[in-house]
Protein backbone atom coordinates (compact mmCIF):
# COMPACT_ATOMS: atom_id res chain seq x y z
CA UNK A 1 -10.01 25.89 -9.40
CA UNK A 2 -7.06 28.03 -8.43
CA UNK A 3 -3.47 26.95 -9.07
CA UNK A 4 -2.87 26.59 -5.33
CA UNK A 5 -5.87 24.27 -4.93
CA UNK A 6 -4.90 22.34 -8.05
CA UNK A 7 -1.38 21.73 -6.68
CA UNK A 8 -2.87 20.46 -3.44
CA UNK A 9 -5.32 18.27 -5.36
CA UNK A 10 -2.58 16.51 -7.29
CA UNK A 11 -0.21 16.53 -4.29
CA UNK A 12 2.52 18.46 -6.09
CA UNK A 13 5.29 20.36 -4.36
CA UNK A 14 5.27 17.98 -1.41
CA UNK A 15 7.94 15.83 0.13
CA UNK A 16 8.16 12.60 -1.89
CA UNK A 17 6.37 9.61 -0.37
CA UNK A 18 9.63 7.66 -0.50
CA UNK A 19 11.10 10.00 2.11
CA UNK A 20 8.25 9.27 4.52
CA UNK A 21 8.50 5.52 3.92
CA UNK A 22 12.26 5.47 4.49
CA UNK A 23 11.91 7.55 7.67
CA UNK A 24 9.13 5.30 8.94
CA UNK A 25 11.25 2.20 8.28
CA UNK A 26 14.01 3.80 10.36
CA UNK A 27 11.56 4.42 13.20
CA UNK A 28 10.44 0.78 13.13
CA UNK A 29 14.03 -0.35 13.48
CA UNK A 30 14.91 2.16 16.18
CA UNK A 31 11.72 1.95 18.27
CA UNK A 32 10.61 -1.65 17.78
CA UNK A 33 13.71 -3.46 16.55
CA UNK A 34 11.88 -4.49 13.38
CA UNK A 35 14.08 -4.46 10.31
CA UNK A 36 12.65 -3.25 7.01
CA UNK A 37 12.67 -6.75 5.52
CA UNK A 38 10.38 -7.97 8.33
CA UNK A 39 7.77 -5.20 8.22
CA UNK A 40 5.83 -6.83 5.38
CA UNK A 41 5.93 -10.18 7.16
CA UNK A 42 4.10 -9.10 10.29
CA UNK A 43 3.58 -5.35 10.56
CA UNK A 44 2.31 -4.38 7.11
CA UNK A 45 -1.10 -3.17 8.28
CA UNK A 46 0.34 -1.11 11.13
CA UNK A 47 2.93 0.31 8.73
CA UNK A 48 0.21 1.20 6.19
CA UNK A 49 -1.89 2.92 8.88
CA UNK A 50 1.12 4.91 10.10
CA UNK A 51 2.03 5.90 6.55
CA UNK A 52 -1.55 6.95 5.80
CA UNK A 53 -1.55 9.16 8.88
CA UNK A 54 1.81 10.74 8.03
CA UNK A 55 0.78 11.43 4.45
CA UNK A 56 -2.54 12.94 5.54
CA UNK A 57 -0.78 15.20 8.04
CA UNK A 58 1.51 16.38 5.25
CA UNK A 59 -1.19 17.33 2.78
CA UNK A 60 -1.63 14.20 0.72
CA UNK A 61 -5.23 13.45 -0.16
CA UNK A 62 -7.31 10.50 -1.34
CA UNK A 63 -5.17 7.93 0.47
CA UNK A 64 -6.46 4.38 0.79
CA UNK A 65 -5.22 1.38 2.68
CA UNK A 66 -5.70 -1.69 0.51
CA UNK A 67 -5.38 -5.30 1.60
CA UNK A 68 -5.21 -8.65 -0.09
CA UNK A 69 -8.62 -9.46 1.40
CA UNK A 70 -10.22 -6.82 -0.83
CA UNK A 71 -9.30 -8.67 -4.04
CA UNK A 72 -10.67 -12.14 -4.80
CA UNK A 73 -7.44 -13.57 -6.26
CA UNK A 74 -5.31 -12.56 -3.25
CA UNK A 75 -7.79 -12.90 -0.40
CA UNK A 76 -7.33 -15.29 2.50
CA UNK A 77 -9.59 -18.32 2.80
CA UNK A 78 -11.11 -16.77 5.93
CA UNK A 79 -12.22 -13.67 4.01
CA UNK A 80 -13.66 -15.78 1.17
CA UNK A 81 -15.99 -17.39 3.71
CA UNK A 82 -17.34 -14.01 4.80
CA UNK A 83 -20.24 -13.52 2.43
CA UNK A 84 -20.56 -9.85 3.40
CA UNK A 85 -17.01 -9.11 2.24
CA UNK A 86 -16.78 -6.63 -0.62
CA UNK A 87 -14.24 -7.48 -3.28
CA UNK A 88 -12.80 -4.86 -5.59
CA UNK A 89 -11.44 -5.42 -9.05
CA UNK A 90 -7.72 -4.79 -9.53
CA UNK A 91 -8.51 -2.58 -12.54
CA UNK A 92 -10.14 -0.08 -10.18
CA UNK A 93 -6.63 0.46 -8.81
CA UNK A 94 -4.67 0.45 -12.07
CA UNK A 95 -3.63 -3.15 -11.70
CA UNK A 96 -3.69 -5.97 -14.21
CA UNK A 97 -3.08 -9.50 -13.01
CA UNK A 98 -0.22 -11.16 -14.90
CA UNK A 99 -1.27 -14.33 -16.71
CA UNK A 100 1.26 -16.33 -14.69
CA UNK A 101 0.22 -14.86 -11.33
CA UNK A 102 -0.18 -17.29 -8.46
CA UNK A 103 -0.46 -15.94 -4.91
CA UNK A 104 1.90 -18.45 -3.31
CA UNK A 105 2.09 -16.89 0.13
CA UNK A 106 -1.68 -17.17 0.58
CA UNK A 107 -1.44 -14.78 3.47
CA UNK A 108 -2.42 -11.23 4.23
CA UNK A 109 -0.84 -7.99 3.10
CA UNK A 110 -1.75 -4.31 3.45
CA UNK A 111 -0.36 -1.34 1.55
CA UNK A 112 -1.14 2.30 0.78
CA UNK A 113 -2.61 3.56 -2.48
CA UNK A 114 -2.24 7.25 -3.33
CA UNK A 115 -1.75 9.24 -6.54
CA UNK A 116 -2.28 6.13 -8.66
CA UNK A 117 0.56 4.18 -7.03
CA UNK A 118 0.82 1.38 -4.49
CA UNK A 119 3.34 1.69 -1.63
CA UNK A 120 4.59 -0.61 1.12
CA UNK A 121 7.79 -0.85 3.13
CA UNK A 122 9.57 -2.62 0.27
CA UNK A 123 8.36 -0.16 -2.37
CA UNK A 124 9.18 3.42 -1.36
CA UNK A 125 8.91 4.66 -4.96
CA UNK A 126 5.57 2.95 -5.53
CA UNK A 127 4.29 0.87 -8.42
CA UNK A 128 1.31 1.46 -10.67
CA UNK A 129 0.25 -2.20 -10.63
CA UNK A 130 -0.04 -3.73 -7.15
CA UNK A 131 0.86 -7.15 -8.55
CA UNK A 132 4.37 -5.69 -8.94
CA UNK A 133 4.78 -5.17 -5.19
CA UNK A 134 7.69 -7.41 -4.14
CA UNK A 135 5.48 -9.49 -1.86
CA UNK A 136 3.58 -10.67 -4.94
CA UNK A 137 6.59 -11.18 -7.18
CA UNK A 138 8.99 -13.05 -4.90
């Protein structure tokens, strides 16, 4: 593998993801009147899809949109009833559930996973363990 291809593979020498997240939050406020603190309350999936698209257009690879409904301990009751639903283990995504974890919001959340980190509108620098996303810790 050449150095150029290796740099692209590991997404080096690219604009930091935090820049794209902060710009996208600004667009949400300007275009839709949705403040950053409200994105995760109602627009998290749309935000994740937009971020995935932006990152792909800018050379990032292996981007995934993850949701609470993909993990048994954060899924909604509706998704638990769907016997065809595929549940992943948090360890597949570098995440370890804290012993004291309790998903109090019992709602739905979507975020982006790329380069071994989890990103949402409240986490422009990403976290290695999705249980550390603010929506799960507050």
